Amino acid sequence: MVIVLIYYVTSIATLFVCYYFRRFTLKDYKYNNLLKWKRRIIIIWTYLIAAFQISVFSERKIFSYNVDNYFILYSAVIFLIFYLFSLDWVETIKHPFNKFK
């Protein structure tokens, strides 16, 4: 039960952290080297968690001995879809000057 709780907390926390890094602009990343490295680390972390979600989905007997827990399988698919959108969010940086004259 504790493993399932840790699974959901890390999955949801990763989404919140991706949302946090979406707030910054290109200017913030250009002049703040520490923020740039934090963003790179969170991108790598999100890829690792997404790979873990794929492994959870591919495994049929998870977190229990012989009980098929389909709720975790379906939530792994939903989290994987959310991670695709959040990775696209974090990897594309908002530019403050989108309009060229």
PDB file of N, CA and C in Angstrom:
ATOM      1  N   MET A   1       0.818  -1.192   0.000  1.00  0.00           N
ATOM      2  CA  MET A   1       0.000   0.000   0.000  1.00  0.00           C
ATOM      3  C   MET A   1       0.867   1.263   0.000  1.00  0.00           C
ATOM      4  N   VAL A   2       1.965   1.223   0.712  1.00  0.00           N
ATOM      5  CA  VAL A   2       2.865   2.369   0.774  1.00  0.00           C
ATOM      6  C   VAL A   2       3.533   2.588  -0.586  1.00  0.00           C
ATOM      7  N   ILE A   3       3.832   1.499  -1.281  1.00  0.00           N
ATOM      8  CA  ILE A   3       4.466   1.615  -2.595  1.00  0.00           C
ATOM      9  C   ILE A   3       3.512   2.289  -3.580  1.00  0.00           C
ATOM     10  N   VAL A   4       2.239   1.961  -3.496  1.00  0.00           N
ATOM     11  CA  VAL A   4       1.249   2.588  -4.374  1.00  0.00           C
ATOM     12  C   VAL A   4       1.126   4.076  -4.060  1.00  0.00           C
ATOM     13  N   LEU A   5       1.167   4.424  -2.785  1.00  0.00           N
ATOM     14  CA  LEU A   5       1.114   5.829  -2.381  1.00  0.00           C
ATOM     15  C   LEU A   5       2.329   6.593  -2.901  1.00  0.00           C
ATOM     16  N   ILE A   6       3.505   6.019  -2.791  1.00  0.00           N
ATOM     17  CA  ILE A   6       4.720   6.653  -3.306  1.00  0.00           C
ATOM     18  C   ILE A   6       4.640   6.799  -4.822  1.00  0.00           C
ATOM     19  N   TYR A   7       4.080   5.797  -5.487  1.00  0.00           N
ATOM     20  CA  TYR A   7       3.903   5.837  -6.941  1.00  0.00           C
ATOM     21  C   TYR A   7       3.039   7.027  -7.357  1.00  0.00           C
ATOM     22  N   TYR A   8       1.906   7.209  -6.709  1.00  0.00           N
ATOM     23  CA  TYR A   8       1.010   8.303  -7.069  1.00  0.00           C
ATOM     24  C   TYR A   8       1.575   9.665  -6.671  1.00  0.00           C
ATOM     25  N   VAL A   9       2.234   9.749  -5.546  1.00  0.00           N
ATOM     26  CA  VAL A   9       2.808  11.029  -5.116  1.00  0.00           C
ATOM     27  C   VAL A   9       3.905  11.479  -6.081  1.00  0.00           C
ATOM     28  N   THR A  10       4.798  10.577  -6.473  1.00  0.00           N
ATOM     29  CA  THR A  10       5.855  10.968  -7.412  1.00  0.00           C
ATOM     30  C   THR A  10       5.293  11.285  -8.791  1.00  0.00           C
ATOM     31  N   SER A  11       4.257  10.582  -9.195  1.00  0.00           N
ATOM     32  CA  SER A  11       3.658  10.851 -10.509  1.00  0.00           C
ATOM     33  C   SER A  11       3.000  12.222 -10.544  1.00  0.00           C
ATOM     34  N   ILE A  12       2.252  12.546  -9.526  1.00  0.00           N
ATOM     35  CA  ILE A  12       1.562  13.833  -9.485  1.00  0.00           C
ATOM     36  C   ILE A  12       2.549  14.971  -9.213  1.00  0.00           C
ATOM     37  N   ALA A  13       3.538  14.733  -8.360  1.00  0.00           N
ATOM     38  CA  ALA A  13       4.531  15.779  -8.057  1.00  0.00           C
ATOM     39  C   ALA A  13       5.344  16.143  -9.295  1.00  0.00           C
ATOM     40  N   THR A  14       5.639  15.170 -10.146  1.00  0.00           N
ATOM     41  CA  THR A  14       6.374  15.456 -11.373  1.00  0.00           C
ATOM     42  C   THR A  14       5.573  16.378 -12.286  1.00  0.00           C
ATOM     43  N   LEU A  15       4.273  16.176 -12.353  1.00  0.00           N
ATOM     44  CA  LEU A  15       3.431  17.055 -13.165  1.00  0.00           C
ATOM     45  C   LEU A  15       3.403  18.474 -12.609  1.00  0.00           C
ATOM     46  N   PHE A  16       3.347  18.607 -11.295  1.00  0.00           N
ATOM     47  CA  PHE A  16       3.357  19.936 -10.686  1.00  0.00           C
ATOM     48  C   PHE A  16       4.688  20.650 -10.910  1.00  0.00           C
ATOM     49  N   VAL A  17       5.782  19.916 -10.856  1.00  0.00           N
ATOM     50  CA  VAL A  17       7.094  20.530 -11.080  1.00  0.00           C
ATOM     51  C   VAL A  17       7.222  20.982 -12.533  1.00  0.00           C
ATOM     52  N   CYS A  18       6.695  20.209 -13.472  1.00  0.00           N
ATOM     53  CA  CYS A  18       6.713  20.626 -14.871  1.00  0.00           C
ATOM     54  C   CYS A  18       5.900  21.900 -15.070  1.00  0.00           C
ATOM     55  N   TYR A  19       4.792  22.003 -14.376  1.00  0.00           N
ATOM     56  CA  TYR A  19       3.992  23.231 -14.453  1.00  0.00           C
ATOM     57  C   TYR A  19       4.756  24.415 -13.855  1.00  0.00           C
ATOM     58  N   TYR A  20       5.499  24.169 -12.793  1.00  0.00           N
ATOM     59  CA  TYR A  20       6.296  25.225 -12.167  1.00  0.00           C
ATOM     60  C   TYR A  20       7.346  25.768 -13.143  1.00  0.00           C
ATOM     61  N   PHE A  21       8.016  24.909 -13.890  1.00  0.00           N
ATOM     62  CA  PHE A  21       9.068  25.350 -14.801  1.00  0.00           C
ATOM     63  C   PHE A  21       8.511  25.966 -16.073  1.00  0.00           C
ATOM     64  N   ARG A  22       7.222  25.843 -16.307  1.00  0.00           N
ATOM     65  CA  ARG A  22       6.620  26.462 -17.482  1.00  0.00           C
ATOM     66  C   ARG A  22       6.507  27.975 -17.319  1.00  0.00           C
ATOM     67  N   ARG A  23       6.520  28.472 -16.098  1.00  0.00           N
ATOM     68  CA  ARG A  23       6.325  29.899 -15.845  1.00  0.00           C
ATOM     69  C   ARG A  23       7.465  30.764 -16.356  1.00  0.00           C
ATOM     70  N   PHE A  24       8.646  30.230 -16.468  1.00  0.00           N
ATOM     71  CA  PHE A  24       9.823  31.024 -16.795  1.00  0.00           C
ATOM     72  C   PHE A  24       9.924  31.268 -18.296  1.00  0.00           C
ATOM     73  N   THR A  25      10.552  32.362 -18.663  1.00  0.00           N
ATOM     74  CA  THR A  25      10.721  32.722 -20.072  1.00  0.00           C
ATOM     75  C   THR A  25      12.152  32.440 -20.510  1.00  0.00           C
ATOM     76  N   LEU A  26      12.404  32.702 -21.773  1.00  0.00           N
ATOM     77  CA  LEU A  26      13.733  32.488 -22.334  1.00  0.00           C
ATOM     78  C   LEU A  26      14.764  33.388 -21.665  1.00  0.00           C
ATOM     79  N   LYS A  27      14.364  34.591 -21.305  1.00  0.00           N
ATOM     80  CA  LYS A  27      15.274  35.525 -20.646  1.00  0.00           C
ATOM     81  C   LYS A  27      15.701  34.995 -19.275  1.00  0.00           C
ATOM     82  N   ASP A  28      14.766  34.369 -18.556  1.00  0.00           N
ATOM     83  CA  ASP A  28      15.106  33.791 -17.256  1.00  0.00           C
ATOM     84  C   ASP A  28      16.139  32.678 -17.390  1.00  0.00           C
ATOM     85  N   TYR A  29      15.965  31.830 -18.398  1.00  0.00           N
ATOM     86  CA  TYR A  29      16.908  30.728 -18.587  1.00  0.00           C
ATOM     87  C   TYR A  29      18.248  31.208 -19.127  1.00  0.00           C
ATOM     88  N   LYS A  30      18.237  32.319 -19.858  1.00  0.00           N
ATOM     89  CA  LYS A  30      19.480  32.807 -20.445  1.00  0.00           C
ATOM     90  C   LYS A  30      20.418  33.367 -19.381  1.00  0.00           C
ATOM     91  N   TYR A  31      19.872  34.056 -18.390  1.00  0.00           N
ATOM     92  CA  TYR A  31      20.714  34.737 -17.411  1.00  0.00           C
ATOM     93  C   TYR A  31      20.846  33.998 -16.084  1.00  0.00           C
ATOM     94  N   ASN A  32      20.128  32.917 -15.894  1.00  0.00           N
ATOM     95  CA  ASN A  32      20.202  32.177 -14.638  1.00  0.00           C
ATOM     96  C   ASN A  32      20.661  30.758 -14.933  1.00  0.00           C
ATOM     97  N   ASN A  33      21.932  30.493 -14.709  1.00  0.00           N
ATOM     98  CA  ASN A  33      22.510  29.193 -15.039  1.00  0.00           C
ATOM     99  C   ASN A  33      21.964  28.087 -14.135  1.00  0.00           C
ATOM    100  N   LEU A  34      21.711  28.405 -12.871  1.00  0.00           N
ATOM    101  CA  LEU A  34      21.163  27.411 -11.951  1.00  0.00           C
ATOM    102  C   LEU A  34      19.772  26.977 -12.385  1.00  0.00           C
ATOM    103  N   LEU A  35      18.962  27.904 -12.837  1.00  0.00           N
ATOM    104  CA  LEU A  35      17.627  27.581 -13.316  1.00  0.00           C
ATOM    105  C   LEU A  35      17.683  26.726 -14.577  1.00  0.00           C
ATOM    106  N   LYS A  36      18.667  26.990 -15.421  1.00  0.00           N
ATOM    107  CA  LYS A  36      18.842  26.199 -16.633  1.00  0.00           C
ATOM    108  C   LYS A  36      19.158  24.744 -16.296  1.00  0.00           C
ATOM    109  N   TRP A  37      20.021  24.536 -15.305  1.00  0.00           N
ATOM    110  CA  TRP A  37      20.362  23.179 -14.912  1.00  0.00           C
ATOM    111  C   TRP A  37      19.215  22.485 -14.201  1.00  0.00           C
ATOM    112  N   LYS A  38      18.434  23.229 -13.414  1.00  0.00           N
ATOM    113  CA  LYS A  38      17.262  22.628 -12.779  1.00  0.00           C
ATOM    114  C   LYS A  38      16.258  22.171 -13.827  1.00  0.00           C
ATOM    115  N   ARG A  39      16.104  22.969 -14.872  1.00  0.00           N
ATOM    116  CA  ARG A  39      15.186  22.588 -15.953  1.00  0.00           C
ATOM    117  C   ARG A  39      15.672  21.337 -16.659  1.00  0.00           C
ATOM    118  N   ARG A  40      16.965  21.243 -16.906  1.00  0.00           N
ATOM    119  CA  ARG A  40      17.504  20.043 -17.549  1.00  0.00           C
ATOM    120  C   ARG A  40      17.308  18.812 -16.668  1.00  0.00           C
ATOM    121  N   ILE A  41      17.512  18.973 -15.382  1.00  0.00           N
ATOM    122  CA  ILE A  41      17.332  17.843 -14.458  1.00  0.00           C
ATOM    123  C   ILE A  41      15.876  17.407 -14.423  1.00  0.00           C
ATOM    124  N   ILE A  42      14.938  18.350 -14.432  1.00  0.00           N
ATOM    125  CA  ILE A  42      13.529  17.971 -14.385  1.00  0.00           C
ATOM    126  C   ILE A  42      13.099  17.322 -15.697  1.00  0.00           C
ATOM    127  N   ILE A  43      13.695  17.709 -16.820  1.00  0.00           N
ATOM    128  CA  ILE A  43      13.379  17.034 -18.082  1.00  0.00           C
ATOM    129  C   ILE A  43      13.857  15.588 -18.043  1.00  0.00           C
ATOM    130  N   ILE A  44      15.072  15.370 -17.536  1.00  0.00           N
ATOM    131  CA  ILE A  44      15.584  14.003 -17.417  1.00  0.00           C
ATOM    132  C   ILE A  44      14.743  13.201 -16.436  1.00  0.00           C
ATOM    133  N   TRP A  45      14.367  13.827 -15.313  1.00  0.00           N
ATOM    134  CA  TRP A  45      13.529  13.147 -14.316  1.00  0.00           C
ATOM    135  C   TRP A  45      12.172  12.756 -14.910  1.00  0.00           C
ATOM    136  N   THR A  46      11.591  13.634 -15.714  1.00  0.00           N
ATOM    137  CA  THR A  46      10.292  13.338 -16.312  1.00  0.00           C
ATOM    138  C   THR A  46      10.412  12.205 -17.319  1.00  0.00           C
ATOM    139  N   TYR A  47      11.506  12.167 -18.070  1.00  0.00           N
ATOM    140  CA  TYR A  47      11.721  11.034 -18.977  1.00  0.00           C
ATOM    141  C   TYR A  47      11.873   9.721 -18.201  1.00  0.00           C
ATOM    142  N   LEU A  48      12.573   9.761 -17.078  1.00  0.00           N
ATOM    143  CA  LEU A  48      12.721   8.545 -16.268  1.00  0.00           C
ATOM    144  C   LEU A  48      11.384   8.083 -15.692  1.00  0.00           C
ATOM    145  N   ILE A  49      10.584   9.017 -15.205  1.00  0.00           N
ATOM    146  CA  ILE A  49       9.279   8.660 -14.670  1.00  0.00           C
ATOM    147  C   ILE A  49       8.359   8.154 -15.784  1.00  0.00           C
ATOM    148  N   ALA A  50       8.457   8.739 -16.970  1.00  0.00           N
ATOM    149  CA  ALA A  50       7.667   8.255 -18.105  1.00  0.00           C
ATOM    150  C   ALA A  50       8.086   6.840 -18.493  1.00  0.00           C
ATOM    151  N   ALA A  51       9.380   6.550 -18.446  1.00  0.00           N
ATOM    152  CA  ALA A  51       9.840   5.182 -18.717  1.00  0.00           C
ATOM    153  C   ALA A  51       9.333   4.223 -17.643  1.00  0.00           C
ATOM    154  N   PHE A  52       9.283   4.692 -16.397  1.00  0.00           N
ATOM    155  CA  PHE A  52       8.725   3.870 -15.329  1.00  0.00           C
ATOM    156  C   PHE A  52       7.234   3.619 -15.556  1.00  0.00           C
ATOM    157  N   GLN A  53       6.513   4.625 -16.049  1.00  0.00           N
ATOM    158  CA  GLN A  53       5.088   4.444 -16.343  1.00  0.00           C
ATOM    159  C   GLN A  53       4.891   3.408 -17.452  1.00  0.00           C
ATOM    160  N   ILE A  54       5.775   3.418 -18.444  1.00  0.00           N
ATOM    161  CA  ILE A  54       5.696   2.419 -19.512  1.00  0.00           C
ATOM    162  C   ILE A  54       5.970   1.031 -18.951  1.00  0.00           C
ATOM    163  N   SER A  55       6.939   0.928 -18.053  1.00  0.00           N
ATOM    164  CA  SER A  55       7.225  -0.375 -17.462  1.00  0.00           C
ATOM    165  C   SER A  55       6.081  -0.848 -16.566  1.00  0.00           C
ATOM    166  N   VAL A  56       5.403   0.076 -15.895  1.00  0.00           N
ATOM    167  CA  VAL A  56       4.245  -0.293 -15.079  1.00  0.00           C
ATOM    168  C   VAL A  56       3.123  -0.781 -15.978  1.00  0.00           C
ATOM    169  N   PHE A  57       2.926  -0.113 -17.102  1.00  0.00           N
ATOM    170  CA  PHE A  57       1.856  -0.519 -18.004  1.00  0.00           C
ATOM    171  C   PHE A  57       2.153  -1.860 -18.653  1.00  0.00           C
ATOM    172  N   SER A  58       3.418  -2.129 -18.946  1.00  0.00           N
ATOM    173  CA  SER A  58       3.759  -3.392 -19.595  1.00  0.00           C
ATOM    174  C   SER A  58       3.748  -4.566 -18.620  1.00  0.00           C
ATOM    175  N   GLU A  59       3.913  -4.292 -17.355  1.00  0.00           N
ATOM    176  CA  GLU A  59       3.884  -5.338 -16.333  1.00  0.00           C
ATOM    177  C   GLU A  59       2.440  -5.593 -15.915  1.00  0.00           C
ATOM    178  N   ARG A  60       2.015  -6.837 -15.899  1.00  0.00           N
ATOM    179  CA  ARG A  60       0.622  -7.157 -15.582  1.00  0.00           C
ATOM    180  C   ARG A  60       0.383  -7.382 -14.089  1.00  0.00           C
ATOM    181  N   LYS A  61       1.382  -7.799 -13.379  1.00  0.00           N
ATOM    182  CA  LYS A  61       1.232  -8.036 -11.942  1.00  0.00           C
ATOM    183  C   LYS A  61       2.110  -7.047 -11.200  1.00  0.00           C
ATOM    184  N   ILE A  62       1.531  -5.926 -10.816  1.00  0.00           N
ATOM    185  CA  ILE A  62       2.307  -4.867 -10.211  1.00  0.00           C
ATOM    186  C   ILE A  62       1.884  -4.627  -8.780  1.00  0.00           C
ATOM    187  N   PHE A  63       2.864  -4.339  -7.956  1.00  0.00           N
ATOM    188  CA  PHE A  63       2.671  -3.927  -6.578  1.00  0.00           C
ATOM    189  C   PHE A  63       1.910  -4.945  -5.734  1.00  0.00           C
ATOM    190  N   SER A  64       1.643  -6.077  -6.264  1.00  0.00           N
ATOM    191  CA  SER A  64       0.975  -7.124  -5.489  1.00  0.00           C
ATOM    192  C   SER A  64       1.398  -8.463  -6.071  1.00  0.00           C
ATOM    193  N   TYR A  65       1.097  -9.518  -5.372  1.00  0.00           N
ATOM    194  CA  TYR A  65       1.613 -10.819  -5.779  1.00  0.00           C
ATOM    195  C   TYR A  65       0.845 -11.409  -6.954  1.00  0.00           C
ATOM    196  N   ASN A  66      -0.441 -11.677  -6.802  1.00  0.00           N
ATOM    197  CA  ASN A  66      -1.186 -12.312  -7.878  1.00  0.00           C
ATOM    198  C   ASN A  66      -2.462 -11.564  -8.231  1.00  0.00           C
ATOM    199  N   VAL A  67      -2.651 -10.407  -7.694  1.00  0.00           N
ATOM    200  CA  VAL A  67      -3.881  -9.664  -7.930  1.00  0.00           C
ATOM    201  C   VAL A  67      -3.665  -8.713  -9.106  1.00  0.00           C
ATOM    202  N   ASP A  68      -4.570  -8.782 -10.086  1.00  0.00           N
ATOM    203  CA  ASP A  68      -4.494  -7.847 -11.208  1.00  0.00           C
ATOM    204  C   ASP A  68      -5.111  -6.525 -10.776  1.00  0.00           C
ATOM    205  N   ASN A  69      -4.317  -5.499 -10.749  1.00  0.00           N
ATOM    206  CA  ASN A  69      -4.787  -4.194 -10.312  1.00  0.00           C
ATOM    207  C   ASN A  69      -4.902  -3.297 -11.535  1.00  0.00           C
ATOM    208  N   TYR A  70      -6.086  -3.297 -12.162  1.00  0.00           N
ATOM    209  CA  TYR A  70      -6.274  -2.560 -13.400  1.00  0.00           C
ATOM    210  C   TYR A  70      -6.324  -1.058 -13.194  1.00  0.00           C
ATOM    211  N   PHE A  71      -6.651  -0.622 -11.993  1.00  0.00           N
ATOM    212  CA  PHE A  71      -6.683   0.811 -11.724  1.00  0.00           C
ATOM    213  C   PHE A  71      -5.302   1.425 -11.887  1.00  0.00           C
ATOM    214  N   ILE A  72      -4.276   0.739 -11.445  1.00  0.00           N
ATOM    215  CA  ILE A  72      -2.903   1.236 -11.597  1.00  0.00           C
ATOM    216  C   ILE A  72      -2.492   1.202 -13.068  1.00  0.00           C
ATOM    217  N   LEU A  73      -2.923   0.193 -13.803  1.00  0.00           N
ATOM    218  CA  LEU A  73      -2.599   0.142 -15.225  1.00  0.00           C
ATOM    219  C   LEU A  73      -3.236   1.300 -15.988  1.00  0.00           C
ATOM    220  N   TYR A  74      -4.495   1.582 -15.702  1.00  0.00           N
ATOM    221  CA  TYR A  74      -5.171   2.683 -16.385  1.00  0.00           C
ATOM    222  C   TYR A  74      -4.582   4.037 -15.966  1.00  0.00           C
ATOM    223  N   SER A  75      -4.237   4.169 -14.711  1.00  0.00           N
ATOM    224  CA  SER A  75      -3.637   5.432 -14.278  1.00  0.00           C
ATOM    225  C   SER A  75      -2.244   5.609 -14.880  1.00  0.00           C
ATOM    226  N   ALA A  76      -1.524   4.513 -15.125  1.00  0.00           N
ATOM    227  CA  ALA A  76      -0.220   4.620 -15.782  1.00  0.00           C
ATOM    228  C   ALA A  76      -0.376   5.151 -17.200  1.00  0.00           C
ATOM    229  N   VAL A  77      -1.419   4.711 -17.897  1.00  0.00           N
ATOM    230  CA  VAL A  77      -1.668   5.225 -19.247  1.00  0.00           C
ATOM    231  C   VAL A  77      -2.037   6.703 -19.198  1.00  0.00           C
ATOM    232  N   ILE A  78      -2.870   7.088 -18.244  1.00  0.00           N
ATOM    233  CA  ILE A  78      -3.272   8.487 -18.122  1.00  0.00           C
ATOM    234  C   ILE A  78      -2.075   9.366 -17.763  1.00  0.00           C
ATOM    235  N   PHE A  79      -1.243   8.910 -16.827  1.00  0.00           N
ATOM    236  CA  PHE A  79      -0.044   9.672 -16.477  1.00  0.00           C
ATOM    237  C   PHE A  79       0.913   9.773 -17.660  1.00  0.00           C
ATOM    238  N   LEU A  80       1.013   8.724 -18.449  1.00  0.00           N
ATOM    239  CA  LEU A  80       1.894   8.749 -19.611  1.00  0.00           C
ATOM    240  C   LEU A  80       1.422   9.788 -20.630  1.00  0.00           C
ATOM    241  N   ILE A  81       0.125   9.897 -20.824  1.00  0.00           N
ATOM    242  CA  ILE A  81      -0.410  10.926 -21.724  1.00  0.00           C
ATOM    243  C   ILE A  81      -0.127  12.316 -21.162  1.00  0.00           C
ATOM    244  N   PHE A  82      -0.322  12.490 -19.859  1.00  0.00           N
ATOM    245  CA  PHE A  82      -0.026  13.779 -19.232  1.00  0.00           C
ATOM    246  C   PHE A  82       1.452  14.126 -19.334  1.00  0.00           C
ATOM    247  N   TYR A  83       2.332  13.118 -19.220  1.00  0.00           N
ATOM    248  CA  TYR A  83       3.765  13.380 -19.312  1.00  0.00           C
ATOM    249  C   TYR A  83       4.164  13.808 -20.715  1.00  0.00           C
ATOM    250  N   LEU A  84       3.501  13.279 -21.731  1.00  0.00           N
ATOM    251  CA  LEU A  84       3.808  13.719 -23.091  1.00  0.00           C
ATOM    252  C   LEU A  84       3.513  15.207 -23.255  1.00  0.00           C
ATOM    253  N   PHE A  85       2.377  15.652 -22.730  1.00  0.00           N
ATOM    254  CA  PHE A  85       2.049  17.069 -22.811  1.00  0.00           C
ATOM    255  C   PHE A  85       2.959  17.918 -21.921  1.00  0.00           C
ATOM    256  N   SER A  86       3.279  17.427 -20.729  1.00  0.00           N
ATOM    257  CA  SER A  86       4.122  18.225 -19.836  1.00  0.00           C
ATOM    258  C   SER A  86       5.561  18.314 -20.351  1.00  0.00           C
ATOM    259  N   LEU A  87       6.065  17.257 -20.981  1.00  0.00           N
ATOM    260  CA  LEU A  87       7.401  17.341 -21.561  1.00  0.00           C
ATOM    261  C   LEU A  87       7.432  18.328 -22.719  1.00  0.00           C
ATOM    262  N   ASP A  88       6.391  18.345 -23.510  1.00  0.00           N
ATOM    263  CA  ASP A  88       6.325  19.331 -24.571  1.00  0.00           C
ATOM    264  C   ASP A  88       6.253  20.733 -23.996  1.00  0.00           C
ATOM    265  N   TRP A  89       5.571  20.876 -22.890  1.00  0.00           N
ATOM    266  CA  TRP A  89       5.469  22.158 -22.199  1.00  0.00           C
ATOM    267  C   TRP A  89       6.823  22.645 -21.705  1.00  0.00           C
ATOM    268  N   VAL A  90       7.566  21.754 -21.054  1.00  0.00           N
ATOM    269  CA  VAL A  90       8.834  22.157 -20.440  1.00  0.00           C
ATOM    270  C   VAL A  90       9.923  22.344 -21.496  1.00  0.00           C
ATOM    271  N   GLU A  91       9.906  21.537 -22.547  1.00  0.00           N
ATOM    272  CA  GLU A  91      10.972  21.639 -23.538  1.00  0.00           C
ATOM    273  C   GLU A  91      10.819  22.843 -24.447  1.00  0.00           C
ATOM    274  N   THR A  92       9.599  23.292 -24.681  1.00  0.00           N
ATOM    275  CA  THR A  92       9.419  24.512 -25.469  1.00  0.00           C
ATOM    276  C   THR A  92       9.302  25.690 -24.511  1.00  0.00           C
ATOM    277  N   ILE A  93      10.177  26.629 -24.669  1.00  0.00           N
ATOM    278  CA  ILE A  93      10.237  27.779 -23.765  1.00  0.00           C
ATOM    279  C   ILE A  93       9.435  28.920 -24.376  1.00  0.00           C
ATOM    280  N   LYS A  94       8.663  29.578 -23.527  1.00  0.00           N
ATOM    281  CA  LYS A  94       7.932  30.757 -23.989  1.00  0.00           C
ATOM    282  C   LYS A  94       8.920  31.880 -24.259  1.00  0.00           C
ATOM    283  N   HIS A  95       8.765  32.531 -25.361  1.00  0.00           N
ATOM    284  CA  HIS A  95       9.595  33.689 -25.659  1.00  0.00           C
ATOM    285  C   HIS A  95       8.766  34.932 -25.398  1.00  0.00           C
ATOM    286  N   PRO A  96       9.295  35.899 -24.671  1.00  0.00           N
ATOM    287  CA  PRO A  96       8.476  37.068 -24.324  1.00  0.00           C
ATOM    288  C   PRO A  96       8.129  37.948 -25.522  1.00  0.00           C
ATOM    289  N   PHE A  97       8.915  37.860 -26.590  1.00  0.00           N
ATOM    290  CA  PHE A  97       8.667  38.691 -27.766  1.00  0.00           C
ATOM    291  C   PHE A  97       8.346  37.788 -28.953  1.00  0.00           C
ATOM    292  N   ASN A  98       7.110  37.342 -29.017  1.00  0.00           N
ATOM    293  CA  ASN A  98       6.714  36.442 -30.092  1.00  0.00           C
ATOM    294  C   ASN A  98       6.477  37.156 -31.413  1.00  0.00           C
ATOM    295  N   LYS A  99       6.110  38.410 -31.349  1.00  0.00           N
ATOM    296  CA  LYS A  99       5.762  39.142 -32.562  1.00  0.00           C
ATOM    297  C   LYS A  99       6.989  39.876 -33.095  1.00  0.00           C
ATOM    298  N   PHE A 100       7.331  39.576 -34.340  1.00  0.00           N
ATOM    299  CA  PHE A 100       8.451  40.275 -34.978  1.00  0.00           C
ATOM    300  C   PHE A 100       7.903  41.447 -35.769  1.00  0.00           C
ATOM    301  N   LYS A 101       8.656  42.524 -35.786  1.00  0.00           N
ATOM    302  CA  LYS A 101       8.206  43.719 -36.530  1.00  0.00           C
ATOM    303  C   LYS A 101       8.909  43.801 -37.864  1.00  0.00           C
TER     304      LYS A 101
END
